Amino acid sequence: MKNLYLLIFVIALSSCIAEREFIIDYDYSYRGNFSRYKTFSFMTPKDTVNYNGISDWMIKEEIVKRLKTQGYKAKDKRPDILISYKVYGDNMGFKSYQQLDLESWNKLYGPLGDNEQDIETVKAANYGEQEIQLNDGTLLIVFLDRRTNSVIWQGYASGLFNESSFFLKDAKYAVRTILNQYRLLAFAQQ
């Protein structure tokens, strides 16, 4: 009977250890013309991550799979969106924004064009800066509008990777979780 209690205790303890808290969020630019984006490519073809066993191929593979299921097409020359990503090993301060969710913004204000300079539109959308603390092992994925060379969307998972507890499946989980925040479909855009 003691062995049974010990086994139950070990299973309960291991499930608690496996369950970690992560900061997962995103923000976007009001300059983004999200209805225009249909194609994507990556900013650099060489390995830029190389963090604790994570390599570009696993991050790129997950990004490509997700975006293709949302109707986006990979395109090497003159894509609409350029994608960049990085894993940060140290804690860092990060400027983020309190905003409407992207789908609501795109539906209500997206058709108005370049909204970043329109103060009334920005106020109506409850745009607010906030400083947050990201923990070591943060994966940041950035979408840039190739035509304007500006960041239009960025998503991050903080505290996911660290030297003491890292699994390769965590990299795939991080990418999927971040891109769950970008739910715009290319084929649904007008």
C-alpha atoms as a PDB file:
ATOM      1  CA  MET A   1       0.000   0.000   0.000  1.00  0.00           C
ATOM      2  CA  LYS A   2       2.900   2.353   0.768  1.00  0.00           C
ATOM      3  CA  ASN A   3       4.273   1.685  -2.706  1.00  0.00           C
ATOM      4  CA  LEU A   4       0.934   2.624  -4.238  1.00  0.00           C
ATOM      5  CA  TYR A   5       0.890   5.942  -2.332  1.00  0.00           C
ATOM      6  CA  LEU A   6       4.487   6.574  -3.308  1.00  0.00           C
ATOM      7  CA  LEU A   7       3.654   5.897  -6.970  1.00  0.00           C
ATOM      8  CA  ILE A   8       0.641   8.251  -6.856  1.00  0.00           C
ATOM      9  CA  PHE A   9       2.788  10.932  -5.200  1.00  0.00           C
ATOM     10  CA  VAL A  10       5.530  10.601  -7.839  1.00  0.00           C
ATOM     11  CA  ILE A  11       3.003  10.787 -10.692  1.00  0.00           C
ATOM     12  CA  ALA A  12       1.330  13.854  -9.171  1.00  0.00           C
ATOM     13  CA  LEU A  13       4.680  15.525  -8.584  1.00  0.00           C
ATOM     14  CA  SER A  14       5.902  14.829 -12.117  1.00  0.00           C
ATOM     15  CA  SER A  15       2.716  16.241 -13.623  1.00  0.00           C
ATOM     16  CA  CYS A  16       3.204  19.438 -11.610  1.00  0.00           C
ATOM     17  CA  ILE A  17       6.798  19.729 -12.757  1.00  0.00           C
ATOM     18  CA  ALA A  18       5.806  19.195 -16.381  1.00  0.00           C
ATOM     19  CA  GLU A  19       3.171  21.945 -16.150  1.00  0.00           C
ATOM     20  CA  ARG A  20       5.045  25.247 -16.447  1.00  0.00           C
ATOM     21  CA  GLU A  21       3.783  28.811 -16.674  1.00  0.00           C
ATOM     22  CA  PHE A  22       4.627  30.683 -19.863  1.00  0.00           C
ATOM     23  CA  ILE A  23       3.959  34.213 -21.016  1.00  0.00           C
ATOM     24  CA  ILE A  24       2.459  34.019 -24.497  1.00  0.00           C
ATOM     25  CA  ASP A  25       1.256  37.147 -26.205  1.00  0.00           C
ATOM     26  CA  TYR A  26       1.400  39.183 -29.388  1.00  0.00           C
ATOM     27  CA  ASP A  27       0.902  42.680 -30.669  1.00  0.00           C
ATOM     28  CA  TYR A  28       0.574  44.253 -34.086  1.00  0.00           C
ATOM     29  CA  SER A  29       1.020  47.524 -35.894  1.00  0.00           C
ATOM     30  CA  TYR A  30      -1.906  49.591 -37.053  1.00  0.00           C
ATOM     31  CA  ARG A  31       0.103  50.162 -40.231  1.00  0.00           C
ATOM     32  CA  GLY A  32      -0.426  46.541 -41.204  1.00  0.00           C
ATOM     33  CA  ASN A  33      -2.648  46.085 -44.218  1.00  0.00           C
ATOM     34  CA  PHE A  34      -3.499  42.508 -43.283  1.00  0.00           C
ATOM     35  CA  SER A  35      -5.983  41.987 -46.098  1.00  0.00           C
ATOM     36  CA  ARG A  36      -3.163  42.417 -48.629  1.00  0.00           C
ATOM     37  CA  TYR A  37      -0.838  39.704 -47.262  1.00  0.00           C
ATOM     38  CA  LYS A  38      -0.906  36.401 -49.133  1.00  0.00           C
ATOM     39  CA  THR A  39       2.751  35.281 -49.367  1.00  0.00           C
ATOM     40  CA  PHE A  40       5.704  34.910 -46.996  1.00  0.00           C
ATOM     41  CA  SER A  41       9.407  34.128 -46.837  1.00  0.00           C
ATOM     42  CA  PHE A  42      12.132  34.145 -44.216  1.00  0.00           C
ATOM     43  CA  MET A  43      14.632  36.942 -43.779  1.00  0.00           C
ATOM     44  CA  THR A  44      17.701  34.752 -43.612  1.00  0.00           C
ATOM     45  CA  PRO A  45      18.372  31.261 -44.937  1.00  0.00           C
ATOM     46  CA  LYS A  46      21.213  30.446 -42.505  1.00  0.00           C
ATOM     47  CA  ASP A  47      20.907  29.063 -38.984  1.00  0.00           C
ATOM     48  CA  THR A  48      20.294  32.006 -36.670  1.00  0.00           C
ATOM     49  CA  VAL A  49      18.973  30.271 -33.590  1.00  0.00           C
ATOM     50  CA  ASN A  50      21.442  27.633 -32.417  1.00  0.00           C
ATOM     51  CA  TYR A  51      20.179  27.822 -28.829  1.00  0.00           C
ATOM     52  CA  ASN A  52      20.474  24.756 -26.625  1.00  0.00           C
ATOM     53  CA  GLY A  53      19.773  22.287 -29.432  1.00  0.00           C
ATOM     54  CA  ILE A  54      17.085  24.325 -31.186  1.00  0.00           C
ATOM     55  CA  SER A  55      17.801  24.759 -34.858  1.00  0.00           C
ATOM     56  CA  ASP A  56      16.178  26.794 -37.577  1.00  0.00           C
ATOM     57  CA  TRP A  57      14.699  23.817 -39.376  1.00  0.00           C
ATOM     58  CA  MET A  58      12.298  22.946 -36.548  1.00  0.00           C
ATOM     59  CA  ILE A  59      11.100  26.530 -36.109  1.00  0.00           C
ATOM     60  CA  LYS A  60      10.798  27.192 -39.851  1.00  0.00           C
ATOM     61  CA  GLU A  61       9.013  23.897 -40.429  1.00  0.00           C
ATOM     62  CA  GLU A  62       6.344  24.741 -37.848  1.00  0.00           C
ATOM     63  CA  ILE A  63       5.897  28.291 -39.180  1.00  0.00           C
ATOM     64  CA  VAL A  64       5.573  27.066 -42.768  1.00  0.00           C
ATOM     65  CA  LYS A  65       3.059  24.360 -41.810  1.00  0.00           C
ATOM     66  CA  ARG A  66       0.900  26.814 -39.881  1.00  0.00           C
ATOM     67  CA  LEU A  67       0.904  29.595 -42.460  1.00  0.00           C
ATOM     68  CA  LYS A  68       0.134  27.215 -45.313  1.00  0.00           C
ATOM     69  CA  THR A  69      -2.904  25.889 -43.416  1.00  0.00           C
ATOM     70  CA  GLN A  70      -4.056  29.506 -43.138  1.00  0.00           C
ATOM     71  CA  GLY A  71      -3.820  29.965 -46.911  1.00  0.00           C
ATOM     72  CA  TYR A  72      -0.475  31.771 -47.152  1.00  0.00           C
ATOM     73  CA  LYS A  73       1.984  30.709 -49.843  1.00  0.00           C
ATOM     74  CA  ALA A  74       5.759  30.504 -49.499  1.00  0.00           C
ATOM     75  CA  LYS A  75       7.414  32.778 -52.065  1.00  0.00           C
ATOM     76  CA  ASP A  76      11.150  33.498 -52.314  1.00  0.00           C
ATOM     77  CA  LYS A  77      10.998  36.643 -54.471  1.00  0.00           C
ATOM     78  CA  ARG A  78       9.069  39.684 -53.294  1.00  0.00           C
ATOM     79  CA  PRO A  79       6.842  38.060 -50.657  1.00  0.00           C
ATOM     80  CA  ASP A  80       4.278  40.161 -48.811  1.00  0.00           C
ATOM     81  CA  ILE A  81       5.577  39.162 -45.357  1.00  0.00           C
ATOM     82  CA  LEU A  82       9.162  38.597 -44.272  1.00  0.00           C
ATOM     83  CA  ILE A  83       9.545  36.463 -41.155  1.00  0.00           C
ATOM     84  CA  SER A  84      12.283  36.732 -38.576  1.00  0.00           C
ATOM     85  CA  TYR A  85      12.660  34.934 -35.252  1.00  0.00           C
ATOM     86  CA  LYS A  86      15.104  34.619 -32.397  1.00  0.00           C
ATOM     87  CA  VAL A  87      15.469  32.777 -29.118  1.00  0.00           C
ATOM     88  CA  TYR A  88      16.714  35.002 -26.297  1.00  0.00           C
ATOM     89  CA  GLY A  89      18.650  33.279 -23.527  1.00  0.00           C
ATOM     90  CA  ASP A  90      18.462  36.056 -20.926  1.00  0.00           C
ATOM     91  CA  ASN A  91      15.679  37.906 -19.136  1.00  0.00           C
ATOM     92  CA  MET A  92      14.777  41.194 -20.793  1.00  0.00           C
ATOM     93  CA  GLY A  93      12.387  44.107 -20.648  1.00  0.00           C
ATOM     94  CA  PHE A  94      10.072  44.353 -23.638  1.00  0.00           C
ATOM     95  CA  LYS A  95       7.667  47.010 -24.882  1.00  0.00           C
ATOM     96  CA  SER A  96       4.294  45.542 -25.747  1.00  0.00           C
ATOM     97  CA  TYR A  97       0.859  46.989 -26.387  1.00  0.00           C
ATOM     98  CA  GLN A  98      -2.626  46.579 -25.009  1.00  0.00           C
ATOM     99  CA  GLN A  99      -4.818  46.323 -28.086  1.00  0.00           C
ATOM    100  CA  LEU A 100      -7.984  44.874 -29.487  1.00  0.00           C
ATOM    101  CA  ASP A 101      -7.431  41.334 -30.677  1.00  0.00           C
ATOM    102  CA  LEU A 102      -6.116  41.298 -34.234  1.00  0.00           C
ATOM    103  CA  GLU A 103      -9.268  39.865 -35.800  1.00  0.00           C
ATOM    104  CA  SER A 104     -11.443  42.604 -34.293  1.00  0.00           C
ATOM    105  CA  TRP A 105      -8.993  45.313 -35.327  1.00  0.00           C
ATOM    106  CA  ASN A 106      -8.820  43.996 -38.870  1.00  0.00           C
ATOM    107  CA  LYS A 107     -12.591  43.778 -39.147  1.00  0.00           C
ATOM    108  CA  LEU A 108     -13.311  47.233 -37.663  1.00  0.00           C
ATOM    109  CA  TYR A 109     -10.348  49.369 -38.712  1.00  0.00           C
ATOM    110  CA  GLY A 110      -8.286  47.425 -41.251  1.00  0.00           C
ATOM    111  CA  PRO A 111     -10.170  48.703 -44.309  1.00  0.00           C
ATOM    112  CA  LEU A 112      -9.370  52.302 -43.313  1.00  0.00           C
ATOM    113  CA  GLY A 113      -5.767  52.016 -44.543  1.00  0.00           C
ATOM    114  CA  ASP A 114      -2.765  53.528 -42.768  1.00  0.00           C
ATOM    115  CA  ASN A 115      -4.137  54.033 -39.246  1.00  0.00           C
ATOM    116  CA  GLU A 116      -0.951  54.531 -37.257  1.00  0.00           C
ATOM    117  CA  GLN A 117      -0.976  58.293 -37.803  1.00  0.00           C
ATOM    118  CA  ASP A 118      -4.708  58.682 -37.112  1.00  0.00           C
ATOM    119  CA  ILE A 119      -4.771  59.455 -33.379  1.00  0.00           C
ATOM    120  CA  GLU A 120      -8.552  59.178 -33.082  1.00  0.00           C
ATOM    121  CA  THR A 121      -8.560  55.685 -34.612  1.00  0.00           C
ATOM    122  CA  VAL A 122      -5.759  54.594 -32.314  1.00  0.00           C
ATOM    123  CA  LYS A 123      -7.593  55.969 -29.259  1.00  0.00           C
ATOM    124  CA  ALA A 124     -10.829  54.274 -30.335  1.00  0.00           C
ATOM    125  CA  ALA A 125      -8.951  50.971 -30.555  1.00  0.00           C
ATOM    126  CA  ASN A 126      -7.712  51.317 -26.933  1.00  0.00           C
ATOM    127  CA  TYR A 127      -4.050  51.302 -27.924  1.00  0.00           C
ATOM    128  CA  GLY A 128      -1.757  51.419 -24.895  1.00  0.00           C
ATOM    129  CA  GLU A 129       1.934  50.767 -24.341  1.00  0.00           C
ATOM    130  CA  GLN A 130       3.073  48.497 -21.542  1.00  0.00           C
ATOM    131  CA  GLU A 131       6.464  47.311 -20.350  1.00  0.00           C
ATOM    132  CA  ILE A 132       6.692  43.610 -19.572  1.00  0.00           C
ATOM    133  CA  GLN A 133       9.456  41.352 -18.292  1.00  0.00           C
ATOM    134  CA  LEU A 134      10.289  38.357 -20.479  1.00  0.00           C
ATOM    135  CA  ASN A 135      12.031  35.395 -18.876  1.00  0.00           C
ATOM    136  CA  ASP A 136      15.054  33.564 -20.212  1.00  0.00           C
ATOM    137  CA  GLY A 137      14.370  31.292 -23.130  1.00  0.00           C
ATOM    138  CA  THR A 138      11.963  33.583 -25.006  1.00  0.00           C
ATOM    139  CA  LEU A 139      11.090  32.812 -28.615  1.00  0.00           C
ATOM    140  CA  LEU A 140      10.121  35.926 -30.578  1.00  0.00           C
ATOM    141  CA  ILE A 141       8.578  35.645 -34.067  1.00  0.00           C
ATOM    142  CA  VAL A 142       8.298  38.845 -36.118  1.00  0.00           C
ATOM    143  CA  PHE A 143       6.335  39.484 -39.334  1.00  0.00           C
ATOM    144  CA  LEU A 144       7.508  42.429 -41.430  1.00  0.00           C
ATOM    145  CA  ASP A 145       5.721  44.076 -44.341  1.00  0.00           C
ATOM    146  CA  ARG A 146       8.295  43.805 -47.144  1.00  0.00           C
ATOM    147  CA  ARG A 147       7.003  46.910 -48.946  1.00  0.00           C
ATOM    148  CA  THR A 148       7.138  49.250 -45.952  1.00  0.00           C
ATOM    149  CA  ASN A 149       9.991  47.532 -44.059  1.00  0.00           C
ATOM    150  CA  SER A 150       7.990  47.774 -40.858  1.00  0.00           C
ATOM    151  CA  VAL A 151       7.009  45.251 -38.207  1.00  0.00           C
ATOM    152  CA  ILE A 152       3.319  44.421 -38.569  1.00  0.00           C
ATOM    153  CA  TRP A 153       2.981  41.578 -36.047  1.00  0.00           C
ATOM    154  CA  GLN A 154       5.109  39.982 -33.342  1.00  0.00           C
ATOM    155  CA  GLY A 155       4.371  37.064 -31.085  1.00  0.00           C
ATOM    156  CA  TYR A 156       6.379  35.602 -28.254  1.00  0.00           C
ATOM    157  CA  ALA A 157       6.549  32.786 -25.750  1.00  0.00           C
ATOM    158  CA  SER A 158       8.584  33.678 -22.689  1.00  0.00           C
ATOM    159  CA  GLY A 159      10.161  31.335 -20.175  1.00  0.00           C
ATOM    160  CA  LEU A 160       9.675  28.333 -22.392  1.00  0.00           C
ATOM    161  CA  PHE A 161      13.291  27.297 -22.789  1.00  0.00           C
ATOM    162  CA  ASN A 162      16.062  27.335 -20.262  1.00  0.00           C
ATOM    163  CA  GLU A 163      19.272  25.432 -19.710  1.00  0.00           C
ATOM    164  CA  SER A 164      17.880  23.145 -17.010  1.00  0.00           C
ATOM    165  CA  SER A 165      14.571  22.133 -18.577  1.00  0.00           C
ATOM    166  CA  PHE A 166      14.377  21.948 -22.329  1.00  0.00           C
ATOM    167  CA  PHE A 167      12.788  19.461 -24.658  1.00  0.00           C
ATOM    168  CA  LEU A 168      12.819  19.619 -28.452  1.00  0.00           C
ATOM    169  CA  LYS A 169       9.026  19.300 -28.431  1.00  0.00           C
ATOM    170  CA  ASP A 170       8.963  22.601 -26.521  1.00  0.00           C
ATOM    171  CA  ALA A 171      10.252  24.416 -29.624  1.00  0.00           C
ATOM    172  CA  LYS A 172       7.373  23.091 -31.728  1.00  0.00           C
ATOM    173  CA  TYR A 173       4.909  23.825 -28.938  1.00  0.00           C
ATOM    174  CA  ALA A 174       6.221  27.392 -28.650  1.00  0.00           C
ATOM    175  CA  VAL A 175       5.860  28.093 -32.371  1.00  0.00           C
ATOM    176  CA  ARG A 176       2.362  26.606 -32.500  1.00  0.00           C
ATOM    177  CA  THR A 177       1.267  28.516 -29.415  1.00  0.00           C
ATOM    178  CA  ILE A 178       2.625  31.814 -30.715  1.00  0.00           C
ATOM    179  CA  LEU A 179       1.046  31.370 -34.134  1.00  0.00           C
ATOM    180  CA  ASN A 180      -2.267  30.424 -32.523  1.00  0.00           C
ATOM    181  CA  GLN A 181      -2.435  34.161 -31.833  1.00  0.00           C
ATOM    182  CA  TYR A 182      -2.219  35.008 -35.555  1.00  0.00           C
ATOM    183  CA  ARG A 183      -5.530  33.707 -36.828  1.00  0.00           C
ATOM    184  CA  LEU A 184      -5.975  35.699 -40.024  1.00  0.00           C
ATOM    185  CA  LEU A 185      -6.571  33.555 -43.071  1.00  0.00           C
ATOM    186  CA  ALA A 186      -4.999  34.624 -46.379  1.00  0.00           C
ATOM    187  CA  PHE A 187      -7.789  33.113 -48.467  1.00  0.00           C
ATOM    188  CA  ALA A 188     -10.472  34.816 -46.356  1.00  0.00           C
ATOM    189  CA  GLN A 189      -8.999  38.299 -46.915  1.00  0.00           C
ATOM    190  CA  GLN A 190     -10.657  40.502 -49.534  1.00  0.00           C
END
